[in-house]
Amino acid sequence: MAPMTERAEDAAIIERSLREPECFAELFDRYHGPIHGYAERRLTRPLADDIAAETFLIAFRRRDTYDLSRPDARPWLYGIASNLISRHHRAELRQYRALARAGVEESSEDHADRIAGELADRPWLAVALAKLPAAERDVLLLVAWADLTSEEAAKALGVRAGTVRSRLHRARTKIRAALDPALTRKGS
């Protein structure tokens, strides 16, 4: 990612887009790929297409409410995407459970492509993610898959950074326990 000094800050683009709406396309070009990638990792490819498109539609419609003191719009955009994804929470849980039951060999080619890397060789991860409370799963995936900092994830979710760190710690502990149940026996 290029340093902010070499390109217009997101806040400046949003402010300019209030007068010249076509300027908002620069934010779309800058962040559509990462937002889509994050949504695709959380949901299916067709849903990711919808989530990414709807994220930018909502952002465009609400750009007049953006806090211009924040130069980086990524947390705002990921927050919108996370809220949209939470609407699909039940489908997401069903998907993780189905993946855990079916295993990689029985997955469709499109589905296998979608989960390559994170879940393809690790059905335990799908099970562990399905068992996490939604708030902990959102924090973990924003940090792990969207590469947001705790502070950025806090902004995205509208909570305090301490809350994010606490949820992240609990989520990581639960994922580690799923990886090696012996860890939880040793710790008790």
Protein backbone atom coordinates (compact mmCIF):
# COMPACT_ATOMS: atom_id res chain seq x y z
CA MET A 1 0.00 0.00 0.00
CA ALA A 2 1.40 3.40 -0.94
CA PRO A 3 2.01 5.85 1.90
CA MET A 4 -0.78 8.37 2.41
CA THR A 5 1.57 11.22 1.47
CA GLU A 6 1.87 9.91 -2.09
CA ARG A 7 -1.87 9.80 -2.75
CA ALA A 8 -4.95 11.67 -1.72
CA GLU A 9 -6.20 10.76 1.74
CA ASP A 10 -9.51 8.95 1.74
CA ALA A 11 -11.16 11.74 3.74
CA ALA A 12 -10.15 14.29 1.09
CA ILE A 13 -11.63 12.10 -1.64
CA ILE A 14 -14.87 11.69 0.28
CA GLU A 15 -15.09 15.42 0.94
CA ARG A 16 -14.44 16.20 -2.73
CA SER A 17 -17.06 13.60 -3.76
CA LEU A 18 -19.73 15.65 -1.98
CA ARG A 19 -19.28 18.27 -4.71
CA GLU A 20 -18.12 15.93 -7.47
CA PRO A 21 -19.80 12.52 -6.93
CA GLU A 22 -17.70 10.84 -9.62
CA CYS A 23 -14.61 11.29 -7.40
CA PHE A 24 -15.92 8.54 -5.12
CA ALA A 25 -14.86 6.07 -7.83
CA GLU A 26 -11.28 6.53 -6.60
CA LEU A 27 -12.21 4.96 -3.26
CA PHE A 28 -14.03 2.17 -5.07
CA ASP A 29 -10.94 1.48 -7.20
CA ARG A 30 -8.70 1.62 -4.14
CA TYR A 31 -10.68 -0.68 -1.83
CA HIS A 32 -13.11 -2.81 -3.81
CA GLY A 33 -10.62 -5.67 -4.17
CA PRO A 34 -9.77 -5.94 -0.47
CA ILE A 35 -13.41 -5.55 0.62
CA HIS A 36 -14.51 -8.16 -1.91
CA GLY A 37 -11.72 -10.50 -0.83
CA TYR A 38 -12.70 -10.16 2.81
CA ALA A 39 -16.37 -10.80 2.04
CA GLU A 40 -15.48 -13.76 -0.16
CA ARG A 41 -13.51 -15.35 2.63
CA ARG A 42 -16.46 -14.90 4.98
CA LEU A 43 -19.24 -15.86 2.57
CA THR A 44 -19.67 -17.37 -0.88
CA ARG A 45 -18.41 -15.72 -4.05
CA PRO A 46 -21.87 -14.61 -5.24
CA LEU A 47 -22.61 -13.13 -1.82
CA ALA A 48 -19.21 -11.42 -1.79
CA ASP A 49 -20.07 -9.73 -5.08
CA ASP A 50 -23.28 -8.45 -3.51
CA ILE A 51 -21.64 -7.45 -0.22
CA ALA A 52 -18.84 -5.54 -1.93
CA ALA A 53 -21.25 -3.72 -4.24
CA GLU A 54 -23.66 -2.92 -1.42
CA THR A 55 -20.80 -1.75 0.82
CA PHE A 56 -19.82 0.92 -1.69
CA LEU A 57 -23.41 1.84 -2.45
CA ILE A 58 -24.08 2.42 1.27
CA ALA A 59 -20.76 4.27 1.67
CA PHE A 60 -21.60 6.51 -1.29
CA ARG A 61 -25.06 7.26 0.08
CA ARG A 62 -23.69 7.96 3.56
CA ARG A 63 -20.53 9.79 2.56
CA ASP A 64 -21.91 13.03 3.97
CA THR A 65 -21.82 11.44 7.45
CA TYR A 66 -18.19 10.30 7.18
CA ASP A 67 -15.90 11.65 9.92
CA LEU A 68 -13.47 13.68 7.81
CA SER A 69 -10.97 13.76 10.68
CA ARG A 70 -10.20 10.11 9.86
CA PRO A 71 -7.87 10.04 6.84
CA ASP A 72 -8.20 6.25 6.26
CA ALA A 73 -11.65 5.03 5.17
CA ARG A 74 -10.77 1.32 5.43
CA PRO A 75 -12.21 0.83 8.94
CA TRP A 76 -15.43 2.58 7.88
CA LEU A 77 -15.76 0.44 4.77
CA TYR A 78 -14.94 -2.79 6.62
CA GLY A 79 -17.49 -1.79 9.24
CA ILE A 80 -20.18 -1.46 6.60
CA ALA A 81 -19.13 -4.79 5.05
CA SER A 82 -19.10 -6.49 8.47
CA ASN A 83 -22.60 -5.24 9.19
CA LEU A 84 -23.81 -6.60 5.87
CA ILE A 85 -22.06 -9.90 6.49
CA SER A 86 -23.69 -10.17 9.91
CA ARG A 87 -27.04 -10.21 8.10
CA HIS A 88 -25.85 -13.43 6.53
CA HIS A 89 -24.64 -14.81 9.86
CA ARG A 90 -26.86 -17.89 9.89
CA ALA A 91 -25.87 -18.83 6.36
CA GLU A 92 -22.22 -18.36 7.33
CA LEU A 93 -22.61 -20.73 10.28
CA ARG A 94 -24.35 -23.32 8.14
CA GLN A 95 -21.52 -23.03 5.61
CA TYR A 96 -18.78 -23.60 8.22
CA ARG A 97 -20.68 -26.57 9.67
CA ALA A 98 -21.24 -28.06 6.21
CA LEU A 99 -17.57 -27.65 5.36
CA ALA A 100 -16.57 -29.37 8.58
CA ARG A 101 -18.95 -32.28 7.88
CA ALA A 102 -18.26 -32.65 4.16
CA GLY A 103 -14.51 -32.27 4.14
CA VAL A 104 -12.51 -30.85 1.27
CA GLU A 105 -12.92 -33.86 -1.05
CA GLU A 106 -16.69 -33.41 -1.25
CA SER A 107 -16.61 -29.65 -1.80
CA SER A 108 -17.52 -28.17 -5.13
CA GLU A 109 -14.74 -26.66 -7.22
CA ASP A 110 -16.04 -23.13 -6.68
CA HIS A 111 -16.29 -23.69 -2.96
CA ALA A 112 -12.81 -25.22 -2.80
CA ASP A 113 -11.42 -22.19 -4.64
CA ARG A 114 -13.12 -19.89 -2.15
CA ILE A 115 -11.61 -21.51 0.88
CA ALA A 116 -8.18 -22.27 -0.52
CA GLY A 117 -5.58 -21.53 2.11
CA GLU A 118 -7.60 -20.82 5.23
CA LEU A 119 -10.05 -23.73 5.39
CA ALA A 120 -9.24 -26.21 2.63
CA ASP A 121 -6.71 -28.24 4.58
CA ARG A 122 -8.05 -27.36 8.02
CA PRO A 123 -11.61 -28.55 8.68
CA TRP A 124 -10.94 -27.99 12.41
CA LEU A 125 -10.76 -24.27 11.62
CA ALA A 126 -14.22 -24.33 10.06
CA VAL A 127 -15.58 -26.07 13.16
CA ALA A 128 -13.80 -23.65 15.49
CA LEU A 129 -15.03 -20.60 13.55
CA ALA A 130 -18.60 -21.92 13.62
CA LYS A 131 -18.41 -22.28 17.41
CA LEU A 132 -17.13 -18.75 18.03
CA PRO A 133 -19.65 -16.11 19.06
CA ALA A 134 -20.30 -13.75 16.15
CA ALA A 135 -18.60 -10.79 17.85
CA GLU A 136 -15.39 -12.77 18.41
CA ARG A 137 -15.46 -14.24 14.89
CA ASP A 138 -15.91 -10.78 13.35
CA VAL A 139 -12.93 -9.38 15.25
CA LEU A 140 -10.72 -12.38 14.48
CA LEU A 141 -11.50 -12.30 10.76
CA LEU A 142 -11.15 -8.53 10.45
CA VAL A 143 -7.68 -8.78 11.97
CA ALA A 144 -6.60 -12.04 10.32
CA TRP A 145 -8.20 -11.75 6.89
CA ALA A 146 -8.68 -8.01 6.36
CA ASP A 147 -5.34 -7.09 7.98
CA LEU A 148 -6.90 -4.44 10.18
CA THR A 149 -5.24 -3.38 13.41
CA SER A 150 -7.16 -3.68 16.68
CA GLU A 151 -7.85 0.04 16.52
CA GLU A 152 -9.12 -0.17 12.93
CA ALA A 153 -11.30 -3.20 13.76
CA ALA A 154 -12.71 -1.23 16.71
CA LYS A 155 -13.65 1.63 14.37
CA ALA A 156 -15.12 -0.84 11.87
CA LEU A 157 -17.32 -2.46 14.51
CA GLY A 158 -18.10 0.67 16.50
CA VAL A 159 -16.59 -0.63 19.74
CA ARG A 160 -13.59 0.27 21.87
CA ALA A 161 -10.12 -0.99 20.98
CA GLY A 162 -9.93 -2.72 24.37
CA THR A 163 -13.10 -4.62 23.54
CA VAL A 164 -11.54 -5.74 20.26
CA ARG A 165 -8.34 -6.86 21.99
CA SER A 166 -10.34 -8.80 24.55
CA ARG A 167 -12.53 -10.47 21.90
CA LEU A 168 -9.46 -11.22 19.81
CA HIS A 169 -7.72 -12.83 22.77
CA ARG A 170 -10.76 -15.01 23.54
CA ALA A 171 -11.14 -15.98 19.88
CA ARG A 172 -7.46 -16.91 19.53
CA THR A 173 -7.61 -18.92 22.74
CA LYS A 174 -10.62 -20.86 21.45
CA ILE A 175 -9.00 -21.45 18.05
CA ARG A 176 -5.81 -22.69 19.75
CA ALA A 177 -7.89 -25.01 21.93
CA ALA A 178 -9.59 -26.38 18.82
CA LEU A 179 -6.18 -26.92 17.23
CA ASP A 180 -4.84 -28.79 20.25
CA PRO A 181 -7.42 -29.82 22.84
CA ALA A 182 -4.51 -30.96 25.03
CA LEU A 183 -3.69 -27.27 25.58
CA THR A 184 -6.93 -26.69 27.45
CA ARG A 185 -6.41 -29.79 29.60
CA LYS A 186 -2.89 -28.64 30.52
CA GLY A 187 -4.13 -25.17 31.43
CA SER A 188 -6.88 -26.41 33.77
